[in-house]
Amino acid sequence: MTAYGNATDCIYTIIQTPLQSLTGNLPAFIIIILIAQLLWFFGIHGSMTVLPILFPIWLSYIGDNTAAMAAGKAIPHVLNIGLWDLANLGGSGATIGLVILMFFKAKSEQYKSFGKLTLPCGIFSVNEPVIFGLPVILNPIVISLFFVQLFWFV
């Protein structure tokens, strides 16, 4: 009895279409990544908070990308789950750089041994030992470095 016809069309029109326009451009994609990383400061798993919203949209992109590739056309949705995985290299907290620095350059024996312990985890994109093992959560120095990097990037 509505203009949508059925519940699926209603959800698609009201929720999915605006979200697809948000995930389809680079500035919004970068903002989503920054939000996910910022949530780590508060002890919230950033990717597991953001991905349930984005994953259904990116799943629909797979069909569009596959059809375009089969037709020999350019891929329409470059910003997808593959780029998300690349942006979160070393885990969803992106701590692989910190782990490598601890492994090779730490002056403290404690951090050097912690780097040796967490390097295999970081290589396989498991960063929880670093996030929860080092004082990263609710650490004002780490959040200030986050904003310094953010403004340096912008």
N, C-alpha and C. Protein backbone atom coordinates (compact mmCIF):
# COMPACT_ATOMS: atom_id res chain seq x y z
N MET A 1 0.81 -1.21 0.00
CA MET A 1 0.00 0.00 0.00
C MET A 1 0.85 1.28 0.00
N THR A 2 2.15 1.11 -0.09
CA THR A 2 3.01 2.29 -0.12
C THR A 2 3.63 2.43 -1.50
N ALA A 3 4.36 3.49 -1.68
CA ALA A 3 5.03 3.72 -2.96
C ALA A 3 6.20 2.77 -3.16
N TYR A 4 6.65 2.14 -2.09
CA TYR A 4 7.80 1.24 -2.19
C TYR A 4 7.43 -0.13 -2.72
N GLY A 5 6.20 -0.55 -2.53
CA GLY A 5 5.77 -1.85 -3.02
C GLY A 5 5.95 -2.96 -2.00
N ASN A 6 7.19 -3.14 -1.48
CA ASN A 6 7.42 -4.17 -0.45
C ASN A 6 8.49 -3.68 0.52
N ALA A 7 8.72 -4.47 1.56
CA ALA A 7 9.64 -4.06 2.62
C ALA A 7 11.09 -3.98 2.11
N THR A 8 11.46 -4.87 1.22
CA THR A 8 12.83 -4.87 0.70
C THR A 8 13.11 -3.58 -0.07
N ASP A 9 12.18 -3.17 -0.92
CA ASP A 9 12.36 -1.92 -1.67
C ASP A 9 12.39 -0.71 -0.73
N CYS A 10 11.60 -0.77 0.33
CA CYS A 10 11.57 0.33 1.31
C CYS A 10 12.94 0.46 1.99
N ILE A 11 13.48 -0.65 2.47
CA ILE A 11 14.78 -0.63 3.13
C ILE A 11 15.88 -0.20 2.16
N TYR A 12 15.81 -0.70 0.94
CA TYR A 12 16.81 -0.35 -0.06
C TYR A 12 16.79 1.15 -0.35
N THR A 13 15.59 1.72 -0.47
CA THR A 13 15.47 3.14 -0.81
C THR A 13 15.85 4.04 0.36
N ILE A 14 15.43 3.69 1.55
CA ILE A 14 15.63 4.57 2.70
C ILE A 14 17.02 4.43 3.31
N ILE A 15 17.54 3.21 3.37
CA ILE A 15 18.81 2.99 4.08
C ILE A 15 19.98 2.72 3.13
N GLN A 16 19.83 1.75 2.22
CA GLN A 16 20.99 1.31 1.44
C GLN A 16 21.44 2.33 0.41
N THR A 17 20.54 2.98 -0.26
CA THR A 17 20.94 3.93 -1.30
C THR A 17 21.75 5.10 -0.73
N PRO A 18 21.34 5.73 0.38
CA PRO A 18 22.20 6.79 0.94
C PRO A 18 23.54 6.27 1.44
N LEU A 19 23.56 5.07 2.03
CA LEU A 19 24.83 4.52 2.49
C LEU A 19 25.76 4.19 1.34
N GLN A 20 25.21 3.75 0.22
CA GLN A 20 26.04 3.47 -0.95
C GLN A 20 26.68 4.75 -1.48
N SER A 21 25.95 5.84 -1.43
CA SER A 21 26.54 7.09 -1.90
C SER A 21 27.64 7.56 -0.95
N LEU A 22 27.52 7.23 0.35
CA LEU A 22 28.55 7.60 1.30
C LEU A 22 29.81 6.75 1.15
N THR A 23 29.65 5.47 0.86
CA THR A 23 30.81 4.59 0.76
C THR A 23 31.44 4.61 -0.63
N GLY A 24 30.86 5.32 -1.55
CA GLY A 24 31.35 5.31 -2.92
C GLY A 24 32.37 6.39 -3.24
N ASN A 25 32.68 7.29 -2.29
CA ASN A 25 33.67 8.32 -2.60
C ASN A 25 34.83 8.27 -1.61
N LEU A 26 35.97 8.75 -2.02
CA LEU A 26 37.20 8.63 -1.25
C LEU A 26 37.17 9.41 0.07
N PRO A 27 36.69 10.65 0.12
CA PRO A 27 36.67 11.35 1.42
C PRO A 27 35.83 10.62 2.46
N ALA A 28 34.67 10.11 2.07
CA ALA A 28 33.84 9.38 3.03
C ALA A 28 34.52 8.09 3.45
N PHE A 29 35.19 7.43 2.53
CA PHE A 29 35.91 6.19 2.84
C PHE A 29 37.02 6.46 3.86
N ILE A 30 37.75 7.54 3.69
CA ILE A 30 38.82 7.90 4.63
C ILE A 30 38.23 8.26 5.98
N ILE A 31 37.12 8.96 6.01
CA ILE A 31 36.47 9.31 7.28
C ILE A 31 36.02 8.06 8.01
N ILE A 32 35.49 7.09 7.28
CA ILE A 32 35.06 5.83 7.90
C ILE A 32 36.26 5.11 8.51
N ILE A 33 37.38 5.10 7.82
CA ILE A 33 38.59 4.47 8.35
C ILE A 33 39.06 5.21 9.60
N LEU A 34 39.04 6.53 9.57
CA LEU A 34 39.47 7.31 10.73
C LEU A 34 38.56 7.08 11.93
N ILE A 35 37.27 6.97 11.70
CA ILE A 35 36.34 6.69 12.79
C ILE A 35 36.63 5.32 13.40
N ALA A 36 36.86 4.34 12.55
CA ALA A 36 37.18 3.00 13.05
C ALA A 36 38.46 3.00 13.88
N GLN A 37 39.48 3.75 13.44
CA GLN A 37 40.72 3.82 14.20
C GLN A 37 40.55 4.59 15.50
N LEU A 38 39.75 5.64 15.47
CA LEU A 38 39.52 6.45 16.66
C LEU A 38 38.77 5.67 17.74
N LEU A 39 37.90 4.78 17.34
CA LEU A 39 37.16 3.97 18.31
C LEU A 39 38.08 3.10 19.15
N TRP A 40 39.25 2.73 18.59
CA TRP A 40 40.20 1.92 19.36
C TRP A 40 40.66 2.64 20.62
N PHE A 41 40.76 3.96 20.58
CA PHE A 41 41.19 4.72 21.75
C PHE A 41 40.25 4.48 22.92
N PHE A 42 38.98 4.30 22.64
CA PHE A 42 38.00 4.09 23.69
C PHE A 42 37.82 2.61 24.04
N GLY A 43 38.61 1.75 23.43
CA GLY A 43 38.54 0.33 23.73
C GLY A 43 37.45 -0.38 22.95
N ILE A 44 36.95 0.25 21.90
CA ILE A 44 35.91 -0.34 21.06
C ILE A 44 36.58 -0.84 19.79
N HIS A 45 36.32 -2.07 19.43
CA HIS A 45 36.91 -2.67 18.23
C HIS A 45 36.35 -1.92 17.02
N GLY A 46 37.17 -1.06 16.43
CA GLY A 46 36.72 -0.16 15.38
C GLY A 46 36.14 -0.85 14.17
N SER A 47 36.85 -1.83 13.64
CA SER A 47 36.37 -2.50 12.44
C SER A 47 35.09 -3.28 12.69
N MET A 48 35.01 -3.93 13.83
CA MET A 48 33.82 -4.72 14.13
C MET A 48 32.61 -3.84 14.45
N THR A 49 32.84 -2.57 14.64
CA THR A 49 31.74 -1.63 14.83
C THR A 49 31.27 -1.06 13.49
N VAL A 50 32.21 -0.78 12.61
CA VAL A 50 31.90 -0.14 11.33
C VAL A 50 31.52 -1.15 10.25
N LEU A 51 32.20 -2.31 10.24
CA LEU A 51 31.98 -3.27 9.16
C LEU A 51 30.56 -3.84 9.07
N PRO A 52 29.84 -4.08 10.17
CA PRO A 52 28.47 -4.58 9.99
C PRO A 52 27.57 -3.63 9.20
N ILE A 53 27.89 -2.37 9.21
CA ILE A 53 27.12 -1.39 8.44
C ILE A 53 27.57 -1.41 6.98
N LEU A 54 28.87 -1.53 6.76
CA LEU A 54 29.42 -1.41 5.42
C LEU A 54 29.45 -2.71 4.63
N PHE A 55 29.59 -3.83 5.32
CA PHE A 55 29.77 -5.10 4.62
C PHE A 55 28.62 -5.46 3.68
N PRO A 56 27.35 -5.29 4.06
CA PRO A 56 26.28 -5.60 3.11
C PRO A 56 26.34 -4.74 1.84
N ILE A 57 26.76 -3.50 1.99
CA ILE A 57 26.88 -2.62 0.82
C ILE A 57 28.02 -3.10 -0.07
N TRP A 58 29.14 -3.45 0.55
CA TRP A 58 30.28 -3.92 -0.23
C TRP A 58 30.00 -5.26 -0.88
N LEU A 59 29.17 -6.08 -0.27
CA LEU A 59 28.78 -7.34 -0.90
C LEU A 59 28.00 -7.09 -2.19
N SER A 60 27.16 -6.05 -2.18
CA SER A 60 26.43 -5.74 -3.41
C SER A 60 27.37 -5.20 -4.49
N TYR A 61 28.48 -4.58 -4.07
CA TYR A 61 29.46 -4.09 -5.04
C TYR A 61 30.15 -5.23 -5.77
N ILE A 62 30.29 -6.39 -5.12
CA ILE A 62 30.97 -7.53 -5.75
C ILE A 62 30.26 -7.94 -7.03
N GLY A 63 28.93 -8.00 -6.97
CA GLY A 63 28.15 -8.36 -8.16
C GLY A 63 28.32 -7.35 -9.27
N ASP A 64 28.26 -6.06 -8.92
CA ASP A 64 28.43 -5.01 -9.93
C ASP A 64 29.83 -5.06 -10.54
N ASN A 65 30.84 -5.23 -9.70
CA ASN A 65 32.22 -5.28 -10.19
C ASN A 65 32.46 -6.50 -11.08
N THR A 66 31.90 -7.65 -10.67
CA THR A 66 32.06 -8.87 -11.46
C THR A 66 31.40 -8.74 -12.82
N ALA A 67 30.19 -8.17 -12.84
CA ALA A 67 29.47 -7.99 -14.10
C ALA A 67 30.22 -7.02 -15.02
N ALA A 68 30.75 -5.94 -14.46
CA ALA A 68 31.48 -4.98 -15.28
C ALA A 68 32.77 -5.60 -15.82
N MET A 69 33.45 -6.38 -15.01
CA MET A 69 34.69 -7.01 -15.47
C MET A 69 34.41 -8.05 -16.55
N ALA A 70 33.32 -8.81 -16.38
CA ALA A 70 32.96 -9.81 -17.40
C ALA A 70 32.58 -9.14 -18.71
N ALA A 71 32.01 -7.94 -18.63
CA ALA A 71 31.63 -7.21 -19.84
C ALA A 71 32.80 -6.44 -20.44
N GLY A 72 33.95 -6.45 -19.77
CA GLY A 72 35.12 -5.73 -20.28
C GLY A 72 35.08 -4.25 -19.99
N LYS A 73 34.27 -3.84 -19.04
CA LYS A 73 34.16 -2.42 -18.68
C LYS A 73 35.02 -2.14 -17.44
N ALA A 74 35.15 -0.87 -17.13
CA ALA A 74 35.89 -0.47 -15.93
C ALA A 74 35.10 -0.86 -14.69
N ILE A 75 35.81 -1.21 -13.64
CA ILE A 75 35.16 -1.61 -12.39
C ILE A 75 34.55 -0.36 -11.74
N PRO A 76 33.24 -0.38 -11.46
CA PRO A 76 32.59 0.83 -10.95
C PRO A 76 32.85 1.13 -9.48
N HIS A 77 33.10 0.11 -8.66
CA HIS A 77 33.23 0.30 -7.21
C HIS A 77 34.63 -0.11 -6.76
N VAL A 78 35.56 0.83 -6.86
CA VAL A 78 36.93 0.56 -6.47
C VAL A 78 37.05 0.57 -4.94
N LEU A 79 36.28 1.42 -4.29
CA LEU A 79 36.30 1.50 -2.83
C LEU A 79 35.41 0.40 -2.27
N ASN A 80 36.04 -0.70 -1.87
CA ASN A 80 35.28 -1.85 -1.41
C ASN A 80 36.03 -2.56 -0.31
N ILE A 81 35.64 -3.78 0.00
CA ILE A 81 36.24 -4.52 1.11
C ILE A 81 37.72 -4.80 0.89
N GLY A 82 38.13 -4.96 -0.36
CA GLY A 82 39.55 -5.18 -0.64
C GLY A 82 40.40 -3.99 -0.26
N LEU A 83 39.93 -2.79 -0.55
CA LEU A 83 40.66 -1.59 -0.17
C LEU A 83 40.63 -1.39 1.33
N TRP A 84 39.53 -1.79 1.97
CA TRP A 84 39.44 -1.70 3.44
C TRP A 84 40.53 -2.58 4.07
N ASP A 85 40.67 -3.80 3.54
CA ASP A 85 41.70 -4.69 4.07
C ASP A 85 43.10 -4.12 3.85
N LEU A 86 43.32 -3.48 2.73
CA LEU A 86 44.60 -2.87 2.45
C LEU A 86 44.86 -1.68 3.37
N ALA A 87 43.83 -0.90 3.65
CA ALA A 87 43.96 0.27 4.53
C ALA A 87 44.21 -0.15 5.97
N ASN A 88 43.76 -1.33 6.34
CA ASN A 88 43.94 -1.82 7.70
C ASN A 88 45.03 -2.88 7.77
N LEU A 89 46.06 -2.68 6.99
CA LEU A 89 47.17 -3.62 6.95
C LEU A 89 47.81 -3.71 8.34
N GLY A 90 48.01 -4.91 8.81
CA GLY A 90 48.59 -5.11 10.13
C GLY A 90 47.55 -5.15 11.23
N GLY A 91 46.30 -5.31 10.88
CA GLY A 91 45.24 -5.36 11.87
C GLY A 91 44.37 -4.13 11.81
N SER A 92 43.21 -4.21 12.40
CA SER A 92 42.29 -3.08 12.29
C SER A 92 42.71 -1.89 13.12
N GLY A 93 43.68 -2.03 13.98
CA GLY A 93 44.26 -0.89 14.67
C GLY A 93 45.47 -0.35 13.94
N ALA A 94 45.85 -1.00 12.84
CA ALA A 94 46.97 -0.61 12.00
C ALA A 94 48.23 -0.41 12.82
N THR A 95 48.59 -1.41 13.62
CA THR A 95 49.73 -1.30 14.52
C THR A 95 50.99 -1.97 13.99
N ILE A 96 50.99 -2.41 12.75
CA ILE A 96 52.15 -3.13 12.23
C ILE A 96 53.41 -2.25 12.26
N GLY A 97 53.27 -0.97 12.01
CA GLY A 97 54.42 -0.06 12.07
C GLY A 97 55.00 0.02 13.47
N LEU A 98 54.13 0.10 14.46
CA LEU A 98 54.57 0.14 15.85
C LEU A 98 55.28 -1.16 16.23
N VAL A 99 54.75 -2.28 15.80
CA VAL A 99 55.35 -3.58 16.11
C VAL A 99 56.73 -3.70 15.47
N ILE A 100 56.85 -3.27 14.22
CA ILE A 100 58.14 -3.34 13.53
C ILE A 100 59.16 -2.43 14.22
N LEU A 101 58.72 -1.24 14.62
CA LEU A 101 59.64 -0.35 15.34
C LEU A 101 60.07 -0.94 16.67
N MET A 102 59.13 -1.54 17.39
CA MET A 102 59.50 -2.17 18.66
C MET A 102 60.47 -3.32 18.42
N PHE A 103 60.24 -4.07 17.38
CA PHE A 103 61.07 -5.24 17.08
C PHE A 103 62.51 -4.83 16.76
N PHE A 104 62.67 -3.77 15.96
CA PHE A 104 64.01 -3.41 15.50
C PHE A 104 64.67 -2.28 16.28
N LYS A 105 63.90 -1.30 16.75
CA LYS A 105 64.50 -0.08 17.26
C LYS A 105 64.25 0.21 18.74
N ALA A 106 63.50 -0.62 19.45
CA ALA A 106 63.19 -0.31 20.84
C ALA A 106 64.45 -0.31 21.69
N LYS A 107 64.59 0.72 22.52
CA LYS A 107 65.73 0.79 23.43
C LYS A 107 65.45 0.02 24.71
N SER A 108 64.21 -0.04 25.09
CA SER A 108 63.82 -0.79 26.28
C SER A 108 63.78 -2.28 25.96
N GLU A 109 64.38 -3.07 26.81
CA GLU A 109 64.37 -4.52 26.60
C GLU A 109 62.94 -5.08 26.69
N GLN A 110 62.13 -4.45 27.52
CA GLN A 110 60.74 -4.89 27.67
C GLN A 110 59.97 -4.69 26.36
N TYR A 111 60.12 -3.52 25.74
CA TYR A 111 59.42 -3.26 24.48
C TYR A 111 60.01 -4.09 23.34
N LYS A 112 61.32 -4.31 23.37
CA LYS A 112 61.96 -5.12 22.34
C LYS A 112 61.45 -6.56 22.39
N SER A 113 61.34 -7.13 23.58
CA SER A 113 60.80 -8.49 23.69
C SER A 113 59.31 -8.53 23.37
N PHE A 114 58.60 -7.46 23.69
CA PHE A 114 57.18 -7.40 23.33
C PHE A 114 57.02 -7.31 21.82
N GLY A 115 57.93 -6.59 21.16
CA GLY A 115 57.92 -6.53 19.70
C GLY A 115 58.20 -7.88 19.07
N LYS A 116 59.13 -8.64 19.66
CA LYS A 116 59.41 -9.99 19.16
C LYS A 116 58.20 -10.90 19.33
N LEU A 117 57.49 -10.72 20.41
CA LEU A 117 56.32 -11.55 20.69
C LEU A 117 55.15 -11.21 19.77
N THR A 118 54.97 -9.94 19.46
CA THR A 118 53.79 -9.53 18.69
C THR A 118 54.02 -9.39 17.19
N LEU A 119 55.26 -9.52 16.74
CA LEU A 119 55.50 -9.40 15.29
C LEU A 119 54.75 -10.46 14.48
N PRO A 120 54.76 -11.74 14.86
CA PRO A 120 53.97 -12.71 14.08
C PRO A 120 52.47 -12.38 14.07
N CYS A 121 51.97 -11.88 15.18
CA CYS A 121 50.56 -11.48 15.22
C CYS A 121 50.30 -10.33 14.25
N GLY A 122 51.19 -9.34 14.26
CA GLY A 122 51.03 -8.19 13.37
C GLY A 122 51.12 -8.56 11.91
N ILE A 123 51.99 -9.51 11.58
CA ILE A 123 52.12 -9.95 10.19
C ILE A 123 50.81 -10.57 9.71
N PHE A 124 50.12 -11.28 10.61
CA PHE A 124 48.86 -11.91 10.24
C PHE A 124 47.65 -11.06 10.63
N SER A 125 47.86 -9.75 10.78
CA SER A 125 46.81 -8.76 11.01
C SER A 125 46.02 -8.97 12.30
N VAL A 126 46.68 -9.47 13.31
CA VAL A 126 46.06 -9.58 14.63
C VAL A 126 46.75 -8.55 15.52
N ASN A 127 46.05 -7.48 15.84
CA ASN A 127 46.70 -6.42 16.58
C ASN A 127 46.20 -6.27 18.02
N GLU A 128 45.30 -7.12 18.45
CA GLU A 128 44.79 -7.01 19.81
C GLU A 128 45.86 -7.15 20.88
N PRO A 129 46.88 -8.03 20.70
CA PRO A 129 47.93 -8.07 21.74
C PRO A 129 48.64 -6.73 21.91
N VAL A 130 48.80 -5.99 20.83
CA VAL A 130 49.46 -4.68 20.93
C VAL A 130 48.51 -3.66 21.53
N ILE A 131 47.27 -3.65 21.07
CA ILE A 131 46.30 -2.67 21.57
C ILE A 131 46.07 -2.83 23.07
N PHE A 132 45.91 -4.07 23.50
CA PHE A 132 45.60 -4.31 24.90
C PHE A 132 46.85 -4.57 25.74
N GLY A 133 47.98 -4.93 25.10
CA GLY A 133 49.21 -5.19 25.84
C GLY A 133 50.00 -3.93 26.15
N LEU A 134 49.98 -2.99 25.24
CA LEU A 134 50.60 -1.69 25.48
C LEU A 134 49.51 -0.74 26.00
N PRO A 135 49.89 0.31 26.62
CA PRO A 135 48.86 1.26 27.07
C PRO A 135 48.36 2.14 25.92
N VAL A 136 47.58 1.56 25.02
CA VAL A 136 47.06 2.30 23.87
C VAL A 136 45.67 2.84 24.17
N ILE A 137 44.86 2.03 24.81
CA ILE A 137 43.48 2.43 25.09
C ILE A 137 43.47 3.49 26.19
N LEU A 138 42.73 4.56 25.95
CA LEU A 138 42.60 5.70 26.86
C LEU A 138 43.94 6.35 27.20
N ASN A 139 44.87 6.31 26.26
CA ASN A 139 46.18 6.92 26.44
C ASN A 139 46.18 8.27 25.71
N PRO A 140 46.27 9.38 26.44
CA PRO A 140 46.20 10.69 25.79
C PRO A 140 47.36 10.96 24.83
N ILE A 141 48.52 10.37 25.08
CA ILE A 141 49.65 10.57 24.17
C ILE A 141 49.38 9.91 22.82
N VAL A 142 48.82 8.72 22.86
CA VAL A 142 48.52 8.00 21.62
C VAL A 142 47.44 8.74 20.83
N ILE A 143 46.42 9.24 21.49
CA ILE A 143 45.36 9.96 20.77
C ILE A 143 45.89 11.28 20.21
N SER A 144 46.83 11.91 20.92
CA SER A 144 47.40 13.14 20.37
C SER A 144 48.25 12.83 19.14
N LEU A 145 48.96 11.70 19.14
CA LEU A 145 49.71 11.30 17.94
C LEU A 145 48.78 10.98 16.79
N PHE A 146 47.61 10.41 17.11
CA PHE A 146 46.61 10.13 16.08
C PHE A 146 46.19 11.43 15.39
N PHE A 147 45.91 12.47 16.18
CA PHE A 147 45.48 13.73 15.59
C PHE A 147 46.61 14.44 14.86
N VAL A 148 47.84 14.30 15.35
CA VAL A 148 48.98 14.88 14.63
C VAL A 148 49.11 14.23 13.26
N GLN A 149 48.99 12.89 13.22
CA GLN A 149 49.06 12.20 11.94
C GLN A 149 47.90 12.58 11.04
N LEU A 150 46.72 12.74 11.64
CA LEU A 150 45.54 13.10 10.87
C LEU A 150 45.72 14.46 10.20
N PHE A 151 46.16 15.45 10.97
CA PHE A 151 46.32 16.78 10.40
C PHE A 151 47.51 16.85 9.46
N TRP A 152 48.53 16.02 9.67
CA TRP A 152 49.65 15.96 8.76
C TRP A 152 49.18 15.37 7.42
N PHE A 153 48.29 14.37 7.50
CA PHE A 153 47.77 13.74 6.30
C PHE A 153 46.90 14.71 5.50
N VAL A 154 46.08 15.47 6.20
CA VAL A 154 45.17 16.39 5.54
C VAL A 154 45.96 17.58 5.06
